[in-house]
Amino acid sequence: MSGLLRPMDHWDRTRQDGPLTVRMEQAGDTLTVRAIGELSRSTAETFEAELRLAISGDASTVVLDLGGVGLIDSTGLRSVVRIANQSLRAGGRLRMRRASAPVQQALEWGGLEHLLSFVD
């Protein structure tokens, strides 16, 4: 796994965990992490592990794309919060590109929409 994080111009990796797919793609110094499917109690551990790997790497910016998440429960939301807080402690390199309607709604209900910076 650590071999994937050595400096390269481009690489990608996909991990499937039941109803969740996490795809990481690095181009230059930006690493994009896309989650597709369900971010819930059954998949949160995999999601967090992949994001911890992403923010510990050498990318100057990590972009989180949750536009493909169709379901997020309180455990999934807690995972997003944990990773955002870890990123802030590590220098704040995590940015959000897209959030599906369920993710956006969960962030708003929790008063957490300010936690992540959004990029285009």
PDB file of N, CA and C in Angstrom:
ATOM      1  N   MET A   1       0.819  -1.187   0.000  1.00  0.00           N
ATOM      2  CA  MET A   1       0.000   0.000   0.000  1.00  0.00           C
ATOM      3  C   MET A   1       0.865   1.254   0.000  1.00  0.00           C
ATOM      4  N   SER A   2       1.924   1.308   0.788  1.00  0.00           N
ATOM      5  CA  SER A   2       2.728   2.517   0.858  1.00  0.00           C
ATOM      6  C   SER A   2       3.406   2.820  -0.468  1.00  0.00           C
ATOM      7  N   GLY A   3       3.627   1.804  -1.304  1.00  0.00           N
ATOM      8  CA  GLY A   3       4.221   2.043  -2.604  1.00  0.00           C
ATOM      9  C   GLY A   3       3.362   2.940  -3.476  1.00  0.00           C
ATOM     10  N   LEU A   4       2.060   2.975  -3.233  1.00  0.00           N
ATOM     11  CA  LEU A   4       1.168   3.826  -4.013  1.00  0.00           C
ATOM     12  C   LEU A   4       1.356   5.297  -3.700  1.00  0.00           C
ATOM     13  N   LEU A   5       1.925   5.608  -2.545  1.00  0.00           N
ATOM     14  CA  LEU A   5       2.007   7.001  -2.141  1.00  0.00           C
ATOM     15  C   LEU A   5       3.350   7.639  -2.453  1.00  0.00           C
ATOM     16  N   ARG A   6       4.216   6.948  -3.171  1.00  0.00           N
ATOM     17  CA  ARG A   6       5.475   7.575  -3.548  1.00  0.00           C
ATOM     18  C   ARG A   6       5.186   8.623  -4.617  1.00  0.00           C
ATOM     19  N   PRO A   7       6.017   9.654  -4.721  1.00  0.00           N
ATOM     20  CA  PRO A   7       5.754  10.712  -5.697  1.00  0.00           C
ATOM     21  C   PRO A   7       5.676  10.153  -7.122  1.00  0.00           C
ATOM     22  N   MET A   8       4.597  10.442  -7.779  1.00  0.00           N
ATOM     23  CA  MET A   8       4.376  10.033  -9.162  1.00  0.00           C
ATOM     24  C   MET A   8       3.530  11.116  -9.821  1.00  0.00           C
ATOM     25  N   ASP A   9       3.566  11.169 -11.131  1.00  0.00           N
ATOM     26  CA  ASP A   9       2.721  12.127 -11.829  1.00  0.00           C
ATOM     27  C   ASP A   9       1.255  11.729 -11.755  1.00  0.00           C
ATOM     28  N   HIS A  10       0.987  10.416 -11.810  1.00  0.00           N
ATOM     29  CA  HIS A  10      -0.405   9.967 -11.822  1.00  0.00           C
ATOM     30  C   HIS A  10      -0.480   8.524 -11.335  1.00  0.00           C
ATOM     31  N   TRP A  11      -1.456   8.239 -10.505  1.00  0.00           N
ATOM     32  CA  TRP A  11      -1.770   6.866 -10.097  1.00  0.00           C
ATOM     33  C   TRP A  11      -3.208   6.818  -9.635  1.00  0.00           C
ATOM     34  N   ASP A  12      -3.769   5.626  -9.602  1.00  0.00           N
ATOM     35  CA  ASP A  12      -5.107   5.487  -9.034  1.00  0.00           C
ATOM     36  C   ASP A  12      -5.241   4.135  -8.351  1.00  0.00           C
ATOM     37  N   ARG A  13      -6.240   4.054  -7.475  1.00  0.00           N
ATOM     38  CA  ARG A  13      -6.491   2.860  -6.672  1.00  0.00           C
ATOM     39  C   ARG A  13      -7.980   2.845  -6.362  1.00  0.00           C
ATOM     40  N   THR A  14      -8.589   1.662  -6.412  1.00  0.00           N
ATOM     41  CA  THR A  14     -10.002   1.515  -6.085  1.00  0.00           C
ATOM     42  C   THR A  14     -10.144   0.433  -5.029  1.00  0.00           C
ATOM     43  N   ARG A  15     -10.971   0.719  -4.021  1.00  0.00           N
ATOM     44  CA  ARG A  15     -11.245  -0.260  -2.968  1.00  0.00           C
ATOM     45  C   ARG A  15     -12.754  -0.411  -2.819  1.00  0.00           C
ATOM     46  N   GLN A  16     -13.206  -1.645  -2.845  1.00  0.00           N
ATOM     47  CA  GLN A  16     -14.627  -1.970  -2.723  1.00  0.00           C
ATOM     48  C   GLN A  16     -14.864  -2.584  -1.350  1.00  0.00           C
ATOM     49  N   ASP A  17     -15.893  -2.101  -0.655  1.00  0.00           N
ATOM     50  CA  ASP A  17     -16.300  -2.678   0.626  1.00  0.00           C
ATOM     51  C   ASP A  17     -17.818  -2.761   0.632  1.00  0.00           C
ATOM     52  N   GLY A  18     -18.350  -3.888   0.180  1.00  0.00           N
ATOM     53  CA  GLY A  18     -19.801  -4.050   0.117  1.00  0.00           C
ATOM     54  C   GLY A  18     -20.439  -2.945  -0.704  1.00  0.00           C
ATOM     55  N   PRO A  19     -21.324  -2.151  -0.078  1.00  0.00           N
ATOM     56  CA  PRO A  19     -22.049  -1.117  -0.818  1.00  0.00           C
ATOM     57  C   PRO A  19     -21.263   0.190  -1.017  1.00  0.00           C
ATOM     58  N   LEU A  20     -19.963   0.193  -0.699  1.00  0.00           N
ATOM     59  CA  LEU A  20     -19.154   1.407  -0.854  1.00  0.00           C
ATOM     60  C   LEU A  20     -17.950   1.132  -1.743  1.00  0.00           C
ATOM     61  N   THR A  21     -17.709   2.040  -2.678  1.00  0.00           N
ATOM     62  CA  THR A  21     -16.492   2.030  -3.478  1.00  0.00           C
ATOM     63  C   THR A  21     -15.751   3.324  -3.187  1.00  0.00           C
ATOM     64  N   VAL A  22     -14.455   3.213  -2.893  1.00  0.00           N
ATOM     65  CA  VAL A  22     -13.619   4.391  -2.677  1.00  0.00           C
ATOM     66  C   VAL A  22     -12.534   4.359  -3.739  1.00  0.00           C
ATOM     67  N   ARG A  23     -12.471   5.424  -4.534  1.00  0.00           N
ATOM     68  CA  ARG A  23     -11.461   5.516  -5.589  1.00  0.00           C
ATOM     69  C   ARG A  23     -10.561   6.703  -5.303  1.00  0.00           C
ATOM     70  N   MET A  24      -9.267   6.445  -5.281  1.00  0.00           N
ATOM     71  CA  MET A  24      -8.289   7.512  -5.090  1.00  0.00           C
ATOM     72  C   MET A  24      -7.498   7.663  -6.376  1.00  0.00           C
ATOM     73  N   GLU A  25      -7.357   8.904  -6.808  1.00  0.00           N
ATOM     74  CA  GLU A  25      -6.603   9.188  -8.024  1.00  0.00           C
ATOM     75  C   GLU A  25      -5.732  10.409  -7.784  1.00  0.00           C
ATOM     76  N   GLN A  26      -4.433  10.241  -7.995  1.00  0.00           N
ATOM     77  CA  GLN A  26      -3.521  11.363  -7.823  1.00  0.00           C
ATOM     78  C   GLN A  26      -3.028  11.817  -9.178  1.00  0.00           C
ATOM     79  N   ALA A  27      -3.125  13.111  -9.412  1.00  0.00           N
ATOM     80  CA  ALA A  27      -2.592  13.745 -10.608  1.00  0.00           C
ATOM     81  C   ALA A  27      -1.764  14.925 -10.125  1.00  0.00           C
ATOM     82  N   GLY A  28      -0.468  14.858 -10.343  1.00  0.00           N
ATOM     83  CA  GLY A  28       0.406  15.904  -9.832  1.00  0.00           C
ATOM     84  C   GLY A  28       0.386  15.913  -8.320  1.00  0.00           C
ATOM     85  N   ASP A  29       0.147  17.084  -7.740  1.00  0.00           N
ATOM     86  CA  ASP A  29       0.155  17.186  -6.275  1.00  0.00           C
ATOM     87  C   ASP A  29      -1.248  17.194  -5.671  1.00  0.00           C
ATOM     88  N   THR A  30      -2.265  16.817  -6.471  1.00  0.00           N
ATOM     89  CA  THR A  30      -3.643  16.757  -5.975  1.00  0.00           C
ATOM     90  C   THR A  30      -4.136  15.315  -5.981  1.00  0.00           C
ATOM     91  N   LEU A  31      -4.633  14.872  -4.834  1.00  0.00           N
ATOM     92  CA  LEU A  31      -5.208  13.541  -4.691  1.00  0.00           C
ATOM     93  C   LEU A  31      -6.715  13.693  -4.542  1.00  0.00           C
ATOM     94  N   THR A  32      -7.473  13.071  -5.442  1.00  0.00           N
ATOM     95  CA  THR A  32      -8.932  13.106  -5.374  1.00  0.00           C
ATOM     96  C   THR A  32      -9.428  11.769  -4.847  1.00  0.00           C
ATOM     97  N   VAL A  33     -10.300  11.828  -3.834  1.00  0.00           N
ATOM     98  CA  VAL A  33     -10.896  10.631  -3.244  1.00  0.00           C
ATOM     99  C   VAL A  33     -12.388  10.691  -3.518  1.00  0.00           C
ATOM    100  N   ARG A  34     -12.893   9.702  -4.269  1.00  0.00           N
ATOM    101  CA  ARG A  34     -14.318   9.640  -4.597  1.00  0.00           C
ATOM    102  C   ARG A  34     -14.952   8.472  -3.857  1.00  0.00           C
ATOM    103  N   ALA A  35     -16.027   8.755  -3.162  1.00  0.00           N
ATOM    104  CA  ALA A  35     -16.802   7.700  -2.508  1.00  0.00           C
ATOM    105  C   ALA A  35     -18.115   7.552  -3.261  1.00  0.00           C
ATOM    106  N   ILE A  36     -18.469   6.307  -3.550  1.00  0.00           N
ATOM    107  CA  ILE A  36     -19.690   6.019  -4.292  1.00  0.00           C
ATOM    108  C   ILE A  36     -20.446   4.925  -3.546  1.00  0.00           C
ATOM    109  N   GLY A  37     -21.716   5.184  -3.281  1.00  0.00           N
ATOM    110  CA  GLY A  37     -22.541   4.171  -2.631  1.00  0.00           C
ATOM    111  C   GLY A  37     -23.018   4.606  -1.262  1.00  0.00           C
ATOM    112  N   GLU A  38     -22.766   3.754  -0.291  1.00  0.00           N
ATOM    113  CA  GLU A  38     -23.315   3.920   1.050  1.00  0.00           C
ATOM    114  C   GLU A  38     -22.205   4.201   2.060  1.00  0.00           C
ATOM    115  N   LEU A  39     -22.330   5.297   2.774  1.00  0.00           N
ATOM    116  CA  LEU A  39     -21.377   5.642   3.828  1.00  0.00           C
ATOM    117  C   LEU A  39     -22.114   5.457   5.149  1.00  0.00           C
ATOM    118  N   SER A  40     -21.924   4.277   5.734  1.00  0.00           N
ATOM    119  CA  SER A  40     -22.731   3.876   6.886  1.00  0.00           C
ATOM    120  C   SER A  40     -21.887   3.080   7.875  1.00  0.00           C
ATOM    121  N   ARG A  41     -22.551   2.580   8.871  1.00  0.00           N
ATOM    122  CA  ARG A  41     -21.873   1.802   9.915  1.00  0.00           C
ATOM    123  C   ARG A  41     -21.046   0.663   9.321  1.00  0.00           C
ATOM    124  N   SER A  42     -21.558   0.025   8.298  1.00  0.00           N
ATOM    125  CA  SER A  42     -20.861  -1.130   7.724  1.00  0.00           C
ATOM    126  C   SER A  42     -19.670  -0.753   6.850  1.00  0.00           C
ATOM    127  N   THR A  43     -19.569   0.505   6.426  1.00  0.00           N
ATOM    128  CA  THR A  43     -18.497   0.904   5.503  1.00  0.00           C
ATOM    129  C   THR A  43     -17.601   2.009   6.049  1.00  0.00           C
ATOM    130  N   ALA A  44     -17.946   2.583   7.176  1.00  0.00           N
ATOM    131  CA  ALA A  44     -17.216   3.746   7.701  1.00  0.00           C
ATOM    132  C   ALA A  44     -15.748   3.438   7.980  1.00  0.00           C
ATOM    133  N   GLU A  45     -15.454   2.243   8.463  1.00  0.00           N
ATOM    134  CA  GLU A  45     -14.068   1.892   8.781  1.00  0.00           C
ATOM    135  C   GLU A  45     -13.192   1.915   7.526  1.00  0.00           C
ATOM    136  N   THR A  46     -13.692   1.348   6.440  1.00  0.00           N
ATOM    137  CA  THR A  46     -12.953   1.367   5.177  1.00  0.00           C
ATOM    138  C   THR A  46     -12.781   2.792   4.677  1.00  0.00           C
ATOM    139  N   PHE A  47     -13.844   3.580   4.722  1.00  0.00           N
ATOM    140  CA  PHE A  47     -13.790   4.975   4.287  1.00  0.00           C
ATOM    141  C   PHE A  47     -12.719   5.740   5.070  1.00  0.00           C
ATOM    142  N   GLU A  48     -12.744   5.611   6.393  1.00  0.00           N
ATOM    143  CA  GLU A  48     -11.759   6.319   7.218  1.00  0.00           C
ATOM    144  C   GLU A  48     -10.341   5.852   6.929  1.00  0.00           C
ATOM    145  N   ALA A  49     -10.150   4.557   6.756  1.00  0.00           N
ATOM    146  CA  ALA A  49      -8.807   4.036   6.471  1.00  0.00           C
ATOM    147  C   ALA A  49      -8.265   4.611   5.167  1.00  0.00           C
ATOM    148  N   GLU A  50      -9.097   4.669   4.146  1.00  0.00           N
ATOM    149  CA  GLU A  50      -8.660   5.216   2.861  1.00  0.00           C
ATOM    150  C   GLU A  50      -8.356   6.712   2.972  1.00  0.00           C
ATOM    151  N   LEU A  51      -9.185   7.440   3.700  1.00  0.00           N
ATOM    152  CA  LEU A  51      -8.950   8.878   3.853  1.00  0.00           C
ATOM    153  C   LEU A  51      -7.719   9.159   4.707  1.00  0.00           C
ATOM    154  N   ARG A  52      -7.486   8.358   5.738  1.00  0.00           N
ATOM    155  CA  ARG A  52      -6.262   8.531   6.541  1.00  0.00           C
ATOM    156  C   ARG A  52      -5.037   8.309   5.670  1.00  0.00           C
ATOM    157  N   LEU A  53      -5.096   7.290   4.822  1.00  0.00           N
ATOM    158  CA  LEU A  53      -4.014   7.028   3.881  1.00  0.00           C
ATOM    159  C   LEU A  53      -3.809   8.236   2.966  1.00  0.00           C
ATOM    160  N   ALA A  54      -4.895   8.788   2.481  1.00  0.00           N
ATOM    161  CA  ALA A  54      -4.820   9.932   1.565  1.00  0.00           C
ATOM    162  C   ALA A  54      -4.200  11.151   2.230  1.00  0.00           C
ATOM    163  N   ILE A  55      -4.650  11.506   3.436  1.00  0.00           N
ATOM    164  CA  ILE A  55      -4.139  12.735   4.050  1.00  0.00           C
ATOM    165  C   ILE A  55      -2.744  12.562   4.631  1.00  0.00           C
ATOM    166  N   SER A  56      -2.282  11.317   4.763  1.00  0.00           N
ATOM    167  CA  SER A  56      -0.922  11.107   5.264  1.00  0.00           C
ATOM    168  C   SER A  56       0.099  11.068   4.134  1.00  0.00           C
ATOM    169  N   GLY A  57      -0.358  11.113   2.899  1.00  0.00           N
ATOM    170  CA  GLY A  57       0.537  11.028   1.751  1.00  0.00           C
ATOM    171  C   GLY A  57       1.211  12.349   1.433  1.00  0.00           C
ATOM    172  N   ASP A  58       1.848  12.393   0.275  1.00  0.00           N
ATOM    173  CA  ASP A  58       2.632  13.568  -0.098  1.00  0.00           C
ATOM    174  C   ASP A  58       1.874  14.581  -0.954  1.00  0.00           C
ATOM    175  N   ALA A  59       0.595  14.348  -1.210  1.00  0.00           N
ATOM    176  CA  ALA A  59      -0.191  15.299  -2.006  1.00  0.00           C
ATOM    177  C   ALA A  59      -0.359  16.599  -1.232  1.00  0.00           C
ATOM    178  N   SER A  60      -0.210  17.723  -1.917  1.00  0.00           N
ATOM    179  CA  SER A  60      -0.375  19.006  -1.229  1.00  0.00           C
ATOM    180  C   SER A  60      -1.843  19.307  -0.968  1.00  0.00           C
ATOM    181  N   THR A  61      -2.738  18.733  -1.776  1.00  0.00           N
ATOM    182  CA  THR A  61      -4.175  18.931  -1.590  1.00  0.00           C
ATOM    183  C   THR A  61      -4.896  17.597  -1.761  1.00  0.00           C
ATOM    184  N   VAL A  62      -5.816  17.309  -0.842  1.00  0.00           N
ATOM    185  CA  VAL A  62      -6.671  16.128  -0.945  1.00  0.00           C
ATOM    186  C   VAL A  62      -8.092  16.635  -1.153  1.00  0.00           C
ATOM    187  N   VAL A  63      -8.711  16.212  -2.256  1.00  0.00           N
ATOM    188  CA  VAL A  63     -10.057  16.644  -2.611  1.00  0.00           C
ATOM    189  C   VAL A  63     -11.010  15.468  -2.393  1.00  0.00           C
ATOM    190  N   LEU A  64     -12.036  15.691  -1.588  1.00  0.00           N
ATOM    191  CA  LEU A  64     -13.019  14.665  -1.273  1.00  0.00           C
ATOM    192  C   LEU A  64     -14.270  14.900  -2.109  1.00  0.00           C
ATOM    193  N   ASP A  65     -14.670  13.881  -2.863  1.00  0.00           N
ATOM    194  CA  ASP A  65     -15.856  13.952  -3.714  1.00  0.00           C
ATOM    195  C   ASP A  65     -16.875  12.950  -3.184  1.00  0.00           C
ATOM    196  N   LEU A  66     -17.924  13.462  -2.544  1.00  0.00           N
ATOM    197  CA  LEU A  66     -18.984  12.611  -2.004  1.00  0.00           C
ATOM    198  C   LEU A  66     -20.260  12.732  -2.833  1.00  0.00           C
ATOM    199  N   GLY A  67     -20.118  13.162  -4.080  1.00  0.00           N
ATOM    200  CA  GLY A  67     -21.268  13.319  -4.962  1.00  0.00           C
ATOM    201  C   GLY A  67     -21.959  12.012  -5.301  1.00  0.00           C
ATOM    202  N   GLY A  68     -21.262  10.892  -5.160  1.00  0.00           N
ATOM    203  CA  GLY A  68     -21.837   9.595  -5.475  1.00  0.00           C
ATOM    204  C   GLY A  68     -22.368   8.838  -4.269  1.00  0.00           C
ATOM    205  N   VAL A  69     -22.412   9.493  -3.114  1.00  0.00           N
ATOM    206  CA  VAL A  69     -22.910   8.841  -1.901  1.00  0.00           C
ATOM    207  C   VAL A  69     -24.424   8.995  -1.849  1.00  0.00           C
ATOM    208  N   GLY A  70     -25.126   7.877  -1.925  1.00  0.00           N
ATOM    209  CA  GLY A  70     -26.586   7.899  -1.928  1.00  0.00           C
ATOM    210  C   GLY A  70     -27.195   7.792  -0.551  1.00  0.00           C
ATOM    211  N   LEU A  71     -26.411   7.298   0.410  1.00  0.00           N
ATOM    212  CA  LEU A  71     -26.900   7.153   1.774  1.00  0.00           C
ATOM    213  C   LEU A  71     -25.761   7.444   2.734  1.00  0.00           C
ATOM    214  N   ILE A  72     -26.036   8.265   3.741  1.00  0.00           N
ATOM    215  CA  ILE A  72     -25.067   8.516   4.802  1.00  0.00           C
ATOM    216  C   ILE A  72     -25.827   8.473   6.124  1.00  0.00           C
ATOM    217  N   ASP A  73     -25.320   7.680   7.064  1.00  0.00           N
ATOM    218  CA  ASP A  73     -25.949   7.636   8.383  1.00  0.00           C
ATOM    219  C   ASP A  73     -25.049   8.363   9.386  1.00  0.00           C
ATOM    220  N   SER A  74     -25.412   8.324  10.661  1.00  0.00           N
ATOM    221  CA  SER A  74     -24.655   9.072  11.671  1.00  0.00           C
ATOM    222  C   SER A  74     -23.218   8.575  11.785  1.00  0.00           C
ATOM    223  N   THR A  75     -22.984   7.285  11.573  1.00  0.00           N
ATOM    224  CA  THR A  75     -21.617   6.756  11.621  1.00  0.00           C
ATOM    225  C   THR A  75     -20.806   7.289  10.449  1.00  0.00           C
ATOM    226  N   GLY A  76     -21.405   7.338   9.274  1.00  0.00           N
ATOM    227  CA  GLY A  76     -20.728   7.894   8.110  1.00  0.00           C
ATOM    228  C   GLY A  76     -20.419   9.367   8.289  1.00  0.00           C
ATOM    229  N   LEU A  77     -21.373  10.106   8.845  1.00  0.00           N
ATOM    230  CA  LEU A  77     -21.153  11.531   9.104  1.00  0.00           C
ATOM    231  C   LEU A  77     -20.030  11.718  10.117  1.00  0.00           C
ATOM    232  N   ARG A  78     -20.014  10.887  11.144  1.00  0.00           N
ATOM    233  CA  ARG A  78     -18.947  10.962  12.147  1.00  0.00           C
ATOM    234  C   ARG A  78     -17.587  10.702  11.496  1.00  0.00           C
ATOM    235  N   SER A  79     -17.529   9.797  10.531  1.00  0.00           N
ATOM    236  CA  SER A  79     -16.284   9.529   9.810  1.00  0.00           C
ATOM    237  C   SER A  79     -15.807  10.756   9.042  1.00  0.00           C
ATOM    238  N   VAL A  80     -16.729  11.432   8.377  1.00  0.00           N
ATOM    239  CA  VAL A  80     -16.369  12.654   7.650  1.00  0.00           C
ATOM    240  C   VAL A  80     -15.821  13.692   8.627  1.00  0.00           C
ATOM    241  N   VAL A  81     -16.469  13.850   9.773  1.00  0.00           N
ATOM    242  CA  VAL A  81     -16.028  14.823  10.782  1.00  0.00           C
ATOM    243  C   VAL A  81     -14.646  14.454  11.318  1.00  0.00           C
ATOM    244  N   ARG A  82     -14.435  13.182  11.636  1.00  0.00           N
ATOM    245  CA  ARG A  82     -13.121  12.746  12.144  1.00  0.00           C
ATOM    246  C   ARG A  82     -12.013  13.052  11.147  1.00  0.00           C
ATOM    247  N   ILE A  83     -12.252  12.707   9.893  1.00  0.00           N
ATOM    248  CA  ILE A  83     -11.233  12.926   8.870  1.00  0.00           C
ATOM    249  C   ILE A  83     -10.999  14.417   8.654  1.00  0.00           C
ATOM    250  N   ALA A  84     -12.053  15.215   8.648  1.00  0.00           N
ATOM    251  CA  ALA A  84     -11.891  16.666   8.496  1.00  0.00           C
ATOM    252  C   ALA A  84     -11.068  17.233   9.645  1.00  0.00           C
ATOM    253  N   ASN A  85     -11.330  16.787  10.858  1.00  0.00           N
ATOM    254  CA  ASN A  85     -10.560  17.259  12.014  1.00  0.00           C
ATOM    255  C   ASN A  85      -9.107  16.812  11.940  1.00  0.00           C
ATOM    256  N   GLN A  86      -8.864  15.575  11.519  1.00  0.00           N
ATOM    257  CA  GLN A  86      -7.487  15.100  11.343  1.00  0.00           C
ATOM    258  C   GLN A  86      -6.766  15.951  10.309  1.00  0.00           C
ATOM    259  N   SER A  87      -7.459  16.260   9.241  1.00  0.00           N
ATOM    260  CA  SER A  87      -6.866  17.074   8.193  1.00  0.00           C
ATOM    261  C   SER A  87      -6.513  18.465   8.706  1.00  0.00           C
ATOM    262  N   LEU A  88      -7.405  19.054   9.480  1.00  0.00           N
ATOM    263  CA  LEU A  88      -7.126  20.377  10.049  1.00  0.00           C
ATOM    264  C   LEU A  88      -5.884  20.339  10.930  1.00  0.00           C
ATOM    265  N   ARG A  89      -5.763  19.299  11.751  1.00  0.00           N
ATOM    266  CA  ARG A  89      -4.584  19.169  12.617  1.00  0.00           C
ATOM    267  C   ARG A  89      -3.310  18.976  11.801  1.00  0.00           C
ATOM    268  N   ALA A  90      -3.456  18.399  10.600  1.00  0.00           N
ATOM    269  CA  ALA A  90      -2.298  18.141   9.744  1.00  0.00           C
ATOM    270  C   ALA A  90      -2.015  19.290   8.777  1.00  0.00           C
ATOM    271  N   GLY A  91      -2.709  20.389   8.913  1.00  0.00           N
ATOM    272  CA  GLY A  91      -2.448  21.528   8.047  1.00  0.00           C
ATOM    273  C   GLY A  91      -3.590  21.902   7.126  1.00  0.00           C
ATOM    274  N   GLY A  92      -4.717  21.214   7.213  1.00  0.00           N
ATOM    275  CA  GLY A  92      -5.913  21.613   6.467  1.00  0.00           C
ATOM    276  C   GLY A  92      -5.854  21.405   4.983  1.00  0.00           C
ATOM    277  N   ARG A  93      -5.330  20.273   4.539  1.00  0.00           N
ATOM    278  CA  ARG A  93      -5.207  20.010   3.103  1.00  0.00           C
ATOM    279  C   ARG A  93      -6.446  19.374   2.494  1.00  0.00           C
ATOM    280  N   LEU A  94      -7.457  19.027   3.285  1.00  0.00           N
ATOM    281  CA  LEU A  94      -8.654  18.351   2.770  1.00  0.00           C
ATOM    282  C   LEU A  94      -9.684  19.378   2.303  1.00  0.00           C
ATOM    283  N   ARG A  95     -10.168  19.200   1.071  1.00  0.00           N
ATOM    284  CA  ARG A  95     -11.189  20.066   0.499  1.00  0.00           C
ATOM    285  C   ARG A  95     -12.314  19.187  -0.031  1.00  0.00           C
ATOM    286  N   MET A  96     -13.522  19.715  -0.090  1.00  0.00           N
ATOM    287  CA  MET A  96     -14.677  18.979  -0.611  1.00  0.00           C
ATOM    288  C   MET A  96     -14.996  19.512  -1.999  1.00  0.00           C
ATOM    289  N   ARG A  97     -15.139  18.607  -2.974  1.00  0.00           N
ATOM    290  CA  ARG A  97     -15.523  19.028  -4.327  1.00  0.00           C
ATOM    291  C   ARG A  97     -17.030  18.940  -4.499  1.00  0.00           C
ATOM    292  N   ARG A  98     -17.604  17.808  -4.177  1.00  0.00           N
ATOM    293  CA  ARG A  98     -19.045  17.628  -4.353  1.00  0.00           C
ATOM    294  C   ARG A  98     -19.605  16.884  -3.159  1.00  0.00           C
ATOM    295  N   ALA A  99     -20.838  17.178  -2.860  1.00  0.00           N
ATOM    296  CA  ALA A  99     -21.567  16.431  -1.835  1.00  0.00           C
ATOM    297  C   ALA A  99     -22.949  16.140  -2.400  1.00  0.00           C
ATOM    298  N   SER A 100     -23.361  14.894  -2.328  1.00  0.00           N
ATOM    299  CA  SER A 100     -24.705  14.537  -2.792  1.00  0.00           C
ATOM    300  C   SER A 100     -25.731  15.209  -1.891  1.00  0.00           C
ATOM    301  N   ALA A 101     -26.979  15.200  -2.317  1.00  0.00           N
ATOM    302  CA  ALA A 101     -28.043  15.800  -1.500  1.00  0.00           C
ATOM    303  C   ALA A 101     -28.103  15.184  -0.101  1.00  0.00           C
ATOM    304  N   PRO A 102     -28.015  13.834   0.046  1.00  0.00           N
ATOM    305  CA  PRO A 102     -28.038  13.278   1.402  1.00  0.00           C
ATOM    306  C   PRO A 102     -26.857  13.735   2.264  1.00  0.00           C
ATOM    307  N   VAL A 103     -25.678  13.850   1.661  1.00  0.00           N
ATOM    308  CA  VAL A 103     -24.500  14.293   2.420  1.00  0.00           C
ATOM    309  C   VAL A 103     -24.653  15.759   2.801  1.00  0.00           C
ATOM    310  N   GLN A 104     -25.046  16.592   1.846  1.00  0.00           N
ATOM    311  CA  GLN A 104     -25.231  18.018   2.127  1.00  0.00           C
ATOM    312  C   GLN A 104     -26.262  18.214   3.229  1.00  0.00           C
ATOM    313  N   GLN A 105     -27.357  17.475   3.161  1.00  0.00           N
ATOM    314  CA  GLN A 105     -28.413  17.578   4.166  1.00  0.00           C
ATOM    315  C   GLN A 105     -27.899  17.146   5.541  1.00  0.00           C
ATOM    316  N   ALA A 106     -27.135  16.056   5.598  1.00  0.00           N
ATOM    317  CA  ALA A 106     -26.584  15.588   6.880  1.00  0.00           C
ATOM    318  C   ALA A 106     -25.620  16.612   7.463  1.00  0.00           C
ATOM    319  N   LEU A 107     -24.782  17.213   6.620  1.00  0.00           N
ATOM    320  CA  LEU A 107     -23.856  18.248   7.097  1.00  0.00           C
ATOM    321  C   LEU A 107     -24.622  19.451   7.639  1.00  0.00           C
ATOM    322  N   GLU A 108     -25.671  19.865   6.924  1.00  0.00           N
ATOM    323  CA  GLU A 108     -26.472  21.009   7.370  1.00  0.00           C
ATOM    324  C   GLU A 108     -27.221  20.700   8.659  1.00  0.00           C
ATOM    325  N   TRP A 109     -27.841  19.522   8.750  1.00  0.00           N
ATOM    326  CA  TRP A 109     -28.575  19.146   9.963  1.00  0.00           C
ATOM    327  C   TRP A 109     -27.651  19.109  11.169  1.00  0.00           C
ATOM    328  N   GLY A 110     -26.427  18.668  10.934  1.00  0.00           N
ATOM    329  CA  GLY A 110     -25.460  18.596  12.030  1.00  0.00           C
ATOM    330  C   GLY A 110     -24.751  19.913  12.293  1.00  0.00           C
ATOM    331  N   GLY A 111     -25.060  20.954  11.495  1.00  0.00           N
ATOM    332  CA  GLY A 111     -24.378  22.237  11.649  1.00  0.00           C
ATOM    333  C   GLY A 111     -22.905  22.143  11.296  1.00  0.00           C
ATOM    334  N   LEU A 112     -22.560  21.262  10.357  1.00  0.00           N
ATOM    335  CA  LEU A 112     -21.165  20.962  10.047  1.00  0.00           C
ATOM    336  C   LEU A 112     -20.726  21.425   8.661  1.00  0.00           C
ATOM    337  N   GLU A 113     -21.593  22.125   7.944  1.00  0.00           N
ATOM    338  CA  GLU A 113     -21.244  22.516   6.573  1.00  0.00           C
ATOM    339  C   GLU A 113     -20.012  23.415   6.522  1.00  0.00           C
ATOM    340  N   HIS A 114     -19.680  24.076   7.613  1.00  0.00           N
ATOM    341  CA  HIS A 114     -18.504  24.951   7.672  1.00  0.00           C
ATOM    342  C   HIS A 114     -17.203  24.174   7.869  1.00  0.00           C
ATOM    343  N   LEU A 115     -17.307  22.890   8.198  1.00  0.00           N
ATOM    344  CA  LEU A 115     -16.145  22.087   8.566  1.00  0.00           C
ATOM    345  C   LEU A 115     -15.181  21.876   7.405  1.00  0.00           C
ATOM    346  N   LEU A 116     -15.705  21.769   6.187  1.00  0.00           N
ATOM    347  CA  LEU A 116     -14.876  21.516   5.016  1.00  0.00           C
ATOM    348  C   LEU A 116     -14.962  22.681   4.044  1.00  0.00           C
ATOM    349  N   SER A 117     -13.831  23.033   3.470  1.00  0.00           N
ATOM    350  CA  SER A 117     -13.801  24.048   2.425  1.00  0.00           C
ATOM    351  C   SER A 117     -14.198  23.387   1.113  1.00  0.00           C
ATOM    352  N   PHE A 118     -15.074  24.036   0.361  1.00  0.00           N
ATOM    353  CA  PHE A 118     -15.497  23.504  -0.929  1.00  0.00           C
ATOM    354  C   PHE A 118     -14.675  24.131  -2.045  1.00  0.00           C
ATOM    355  N   VAL A 119     -14.329  23.318  -3.047  1.00  0.00           N
ATOM    356  CA  VAL A 119     -13.607  23.786  -4.225  1.00  0.00           C
ATOM    357  C   VAL A 119     -14.418  23.421  -5.455  1.00  0.00           C
ATOM    358  N   ASP A 120     -14.136  24.084  -6.577  1.00  0.00           N
ATOM    359  CA  ASP A 120     -14.824  23.773  -7.842  1.00  0.00           C
ATOM    360  C   ASP A 120     -14.176  22.606  -8.524  1.00  0.00           C
TER     361      ASP A 120
END
